[in-house]
Amino acid sequence: MKFTITISQDEDGVYIAECPAIPGCVSQGRTEHEAEQNIQEAIKACLEVRAEKGMPLTVATRQVEVII
């Protein structure tokens, strides 16, 4: 499966990775690369837990256009 992730840097310099399609699926790393590797592991773990609990594996995500 392929997932879209976001990576941002917090005020302490730590990179935070999130998977918007899986609520609560967040990880971090000292570098962007480490954060990306860590979120891949977190996604696998989150999917396993959601499957065990009978929850939908993902939620719908959409892109919307906002004119500014």
Protein backbone atom coordinates (compact mmCIF):
# COMPACT_ATOMS: atom_id res chain seq x y z
CA MET A 1 0.00 0.00 0.00
CA LYS A 2 1.13 3.55 -0.63
CA PHE A 3 0.39 6.41 1.75
CA THR A 4 0.87 10.14 1.64
CA ILE A 5 2.85 11.45 4.60
CA THR A 6 3.73 14.91 5.83
CA ILE A 7 7.04 15.86 7.37
CA SER A 8 7.61 19.09 9.25
CA GLN A 9 10.31 20.35 11.58
CA ASP A 10 9.36 21.49 15.07
CA GLU A 11 10.91 24.31 17.08
CA ASP A 12 13.50 21.92 18.58
CA GLY A 13 14.69 20.77 15.16
CA VAL A 14 13.02 17.36 15.34
CA TYR A 15 11.25 16.16 12.19
CA ILE A 16 7.65 15.08 12.73
CA ALA A 17 6.06 12.66 10.25
CA GLU A 18 2.33 12.02 10.03
CA CYS A 19 0.08 9.87 7.89
CA PRO A 20 -3.19 11.79 7.39
CA ALA A 21 -5.05 8.68 6.19
CA ILE A 22 -4.51 6.96 9.56
CA PRO A 23 -5.68 9.08 12.50
CA GLY A 24 -3.07 9.29 15.24
CA CYS A 25 -0.29 7.76 13.14
CA VAL A 26 2.66 10.00 13.98
CA SER A 27 6.39 9.47 14.36
CA GLN A 28 9.57 11.54 14.45
CA GLY A 29 13.27 11.51 13.70
CA ARG A 30 16.44 13.57 13.93
CA THR A 31 16.51 13.85 10.12
CA GLU A 32 13.83 13.81 7.43
CA HIS A 33 15.10 10.42 6.30
CA GLU A 34 14.88 8.98 9.82
CA ALA A 35 11.38 10.41 10.26
CA GLU A 36 10.33 8.82 6.97
CA GLN A 37 11.70 5.43 8.01
CA ASN A 38 10.03 5.71 11.41
CA ILE A 39 6.63 6.63 9.97
CA GLN A 40 6.78 3.56 7.72
CA GLU A 41 7.14 1.39 10.83
CA ALA A 42 4.38 3.35 12.58
CA ILE A 43 2.04 2.87 9.61
CA LYS A 44 2.55 -0.89 9.71
CA ALA A 45 1.89 -0.97 13.45
CA CYS A 46 -1.19 1.25 13.19
CA LEU A 47 -2.66 -0.88 10.40
CA GLU A 48 -2.14 -4.05 12.46
CA VAL A 49 -3.87 -2.56 15.49
CA ARG A 50 -6.75 -1.17 13.44
CA ALA A 51 -7.23 -4.57 11.75
CA GLU A 52 -7.19 -6.40 15.11
CA LYS A 53 -9.84 -4.05 16.48
CA GLY A 54 -12.01 -4.31 13.37
CA MET A 55 -11.57 -0.63 12.59
CA PRO A 56 -11.37 0.73 9.05
CA LEU A 57 -7.69 0.71 8.06
CA THR A 58 -7.80 4.28 6.76
CA VAL A 59 -10.04 7.31 6.57
CA ALA A 60 -10.83 9.24 3.42
CA THR A 61 -8.52 12.10 2.57
CA ARG A 62 -9.14 14.71 -0.10
CA GLN A 63 -7.40 17.64 -1.63
CA VAL A 64 -9.29 20.89 -1.81
CA GLU A 65 -8.34 24.09 -3.54
CA VAL A 66 -8.24 27.21 -1.42
CA ILE A 67 -7.80 30.51 -3.20
CA ILE A 68 -5.78 33.04 -1.24
